[in-house]
């Protein structure tokens, strides 16, 4: 797999994550007109932002890659901590929402960890020159 294909695959995975995040947001906040409107606007903004970041990476922006490597490292650790904390909260209260939060935190940690792995891959490093 080429570096370009890895970056495109990563960007597509983030699109899927945005869909999942929007669905979780609707679950958390309920199905009201205002909630659907604000979640939809947030979803569209997120997709546009991810599209922009993906295009910057494909355009070989080393500054974007550098910032994302630092961001994904920090976010992976934060996501793992959040998952552990929500898992513990679920075990002590048996509230279903904590389990949903723990799943979202685990998925976030996975996505950021995957992003870090792709961005620090040797072929991707070489792609940025």
Protein backbone atom coordinates (compact mmCIF):
# COMPACT_ATOMS: atom_id res chain seq x y z
CA UNK A 1 0.00 0.00 0.00
CA UNK A 2 1.36 3.40 -0.93
CA UNK A 3 1.55 6.34 1.47
CA UNK A 4 -1.14 8.15 -0.52
CA UNK A 5 -3.49 5.17 -0.17
CA UNK A 6 -2.79 5.00 3.57
CA UNK A 7 -3.65 8.69 4.01
CA UNK A 8 -6.82 8.33 1.91
CA UNK A 9 -7.86 5.25 3.90
CA UNK A 10 -7.26 7.09 7.16
CA UNK A 11 -9.32 10.06 5.98
CA UNK A 12 -12.17 7.74 4.98
CA UNK A 13 -12.05 6.09 8.40
CA UNK A 14 -12.40 9.50 10.03
CA UNK A 15 -15.50 10.13 7.90
CA UNK A 16 -17.00 6.94 9.34
CA UNK A 17 -16.04 8.02 12.83
CA UNK A 18 -17.83 11.34 12.25
CA UNK A 19 -21.02 9.46 11.34
CA UNK A 20 -20.73 7.35 14.50
CA UNK A 21 -20.09 10.46 16.59
CA UNK A 22 -23.18 12.17 15.17
CA UNK A 23 -25.32 9.14 15.97
CA UNK A 24 -23.99 8.99 19.53
CA UNK A 25 -24.69 12.72 19.89
CA UNK A 26 -28.29 12.16 18.80
CA UNK A 27 -28.57 9.29 21.28
CA UNK A 28 -27.24 11.44 24.11
CA UNK A 29 -29.28 14.54 23.38
CA UNK A 30 -32.51 13.02 22.07
CA UNK A 31 -34.42 13.51 18.83
CA UNK A 32 -35.68 17.07 18.80
CA UNK A 33 -35.74 19.52 15.93
CA UNK A 34 -33.08 21.72 17.51
CA UNK A 35 -30.90 18.71 18.36
CA UNK A 36 -31.11 17.32 14.83
CA UNK A 37 -30.31 20.74 13.37
CA UNK A 38 -27.30 21.42 15.59
CA UNK A 39 -25.98 17.86 15.23
CA UNK A 40 -26.33 18.11 11.45
CA UNK A 41 -24.46 21.41 11.33
CA UNK A 42 -21.75 20.02 13.60
CA UNK A 43 -21.52 16.89 11.45
CA UNK A 44 -21.13 18.92 8.24
CA UNK A 45 -18.46 21.11 9.84
CA UNK A 46 -16.60 17.99 11.01
CA UNK A 47 -16.72 16.40 7.55
CA UNK A 48 -15.48 19.64 5.95
CA UNK A 49 -12.64 19.90 8.49
CA UNK A 50 -11.60 16.29 7.92
CA UNK A 51 -11.73 16.83 4.16
CA UNK A 52 -9.47 19.88 4.55
CA UNK A 53 -6.97 18.02 6.76
CA UNK A 54 -6.96 15.03 4.39
CA UNK A 55 -6.27 17.28 1.41
CA UNK A 56 -3.48 19.07 3.26
CA UNK A 57 -1.86 15.72 4.02
CA UNK A 58 -2.19 14.59 0.40
CA UNK A 59 -0.61 17.90 -0.64
CA UNK A 60 2.42 16.93 1.47
CA UNK A 61 2.04 19.62 4.13
CA UNK A 62 4.73 18.70 6.63
CA UNK A 63 3.45 21.27 9.13
CA UNK A 64 0.02 19.60 9.13
CA UNK A 65 1.64 16.20 9.60
CA UNK A 66 3.85 17.49 12.43
CA UNK A 67 0.89 19.04 14.30
CA UNK A 68 -1.21 15.91 13.79
CA UNK A 69 1.52 13.59 15.07
CA UNK A 70 1.70 15.57 18.31
CA UNK A 71 -2.08 15.90 18.55
CA UNK A 72 -2.74 12.20 17.93
CA UNK A 73 -0.18 11.11 20.52
CA UNK A 74 -1.80 13.26 23.20
CA UNK A 75 -5.34 12.35 22.13
CA UNK A 76 -4.57 8.61 22.17
CA UNK A 77 -3.45 8.80 25.78
CA UNK A 78 -6.40 11.01 26.71
CA UNK A 79 -8.83 8.62 25.01
CA UNK A 80 -7.38 5.65 26.86
CA UNK A 81 -7.65 7.49 30.18
CA UNK A 82 -11.23 8.55 29.41
CA UNK A 83 -12.15 4.97 28.49
CA UNK A 84 -10.73 3.63 31.74
CA UNK A 85 -12.50 6.30 33.75
CA UNK A 86 -15.88 5.71 32.09
CA UNK A 87 -15.42 1.96 32.42
CA UNK A 88 -14.81 2.37 36.13
CA UNK A 89 -17.84 4.66 36.45
CA UNK A 90 -19.96 2.03 34.72
CA UNK A 91 -18.68 -0.69 37.06
CA UNK A 92 -19.55 1.37 40.14
CA UNK A 93 -22.95 2.74 39.03
CA UNK A 94 -24.12 0.33 36.29
CA UNK A 95 -25.45 3.25 34.29
CA UNK A 96 -25.75 2.42 30.58
CA UNK A 97 -24.66 5.87 29.43
CA UNK A 98 -21.22 5.33 31.00
CA UNK A 99 -20.86 2.20 28.91
CA UNK A 100 -21.70 4.20 25.76
CA UNK A 101 -19.14 6.84 26.77
CA UNK A 102 -16.53 4.14 27.40
CA UNK A 103 -17.18 2.66 23.94
CA UNK A 104 -16.88 6.10 22.36
CA UNK A 105 -13.65 6.73 24.27
CA UNK A 106 -12.25 3.37 23.18
CA UNK A 107 -13.12 4.08 19.56
CA UNK A 108 -11.57 7.54 19.84
CA UNK A 109 -8.37 6.13 21.31
CA UNK A 110 -8.28 3.54 18.51
CA UNK A 111 -8.78 6.17 15.79
CA UNK A 112 -6.14 8.49 17.20
CA UNK A 113 -3.74 5.59 17.70
CA UNK A 114 -4.31 4.43 14.14
CA UNK A 115 -3.74 7.98 12.90
CA UNK A 116 -0.49 8.20 14.85
CA UNK A 117 0.65 4.86 13.43
CA UNK A 118 -0.14 5.91 9.85
CA UNK A 119 1.45 9.35 10.20
CA UNK A 120 4.65 7.88 11.65
CA UNK A 121 4.84 5.03 9.12
CA UNK A 122 8.10 4.95 7.16
CA UNK A 123 6.40 5.16 3.75
CA UNK A 124 4.31 8.15 4.90
CA UNK A 125 7.41 9.87 6.30
CA UNK A 126 9.11 9.35 2.94
CA UNK A 127 6.03 10.71 1.15
CA UNK A 128 6.50 14.02 2.96
CA UNK A 129 10.14 14.06 1.96
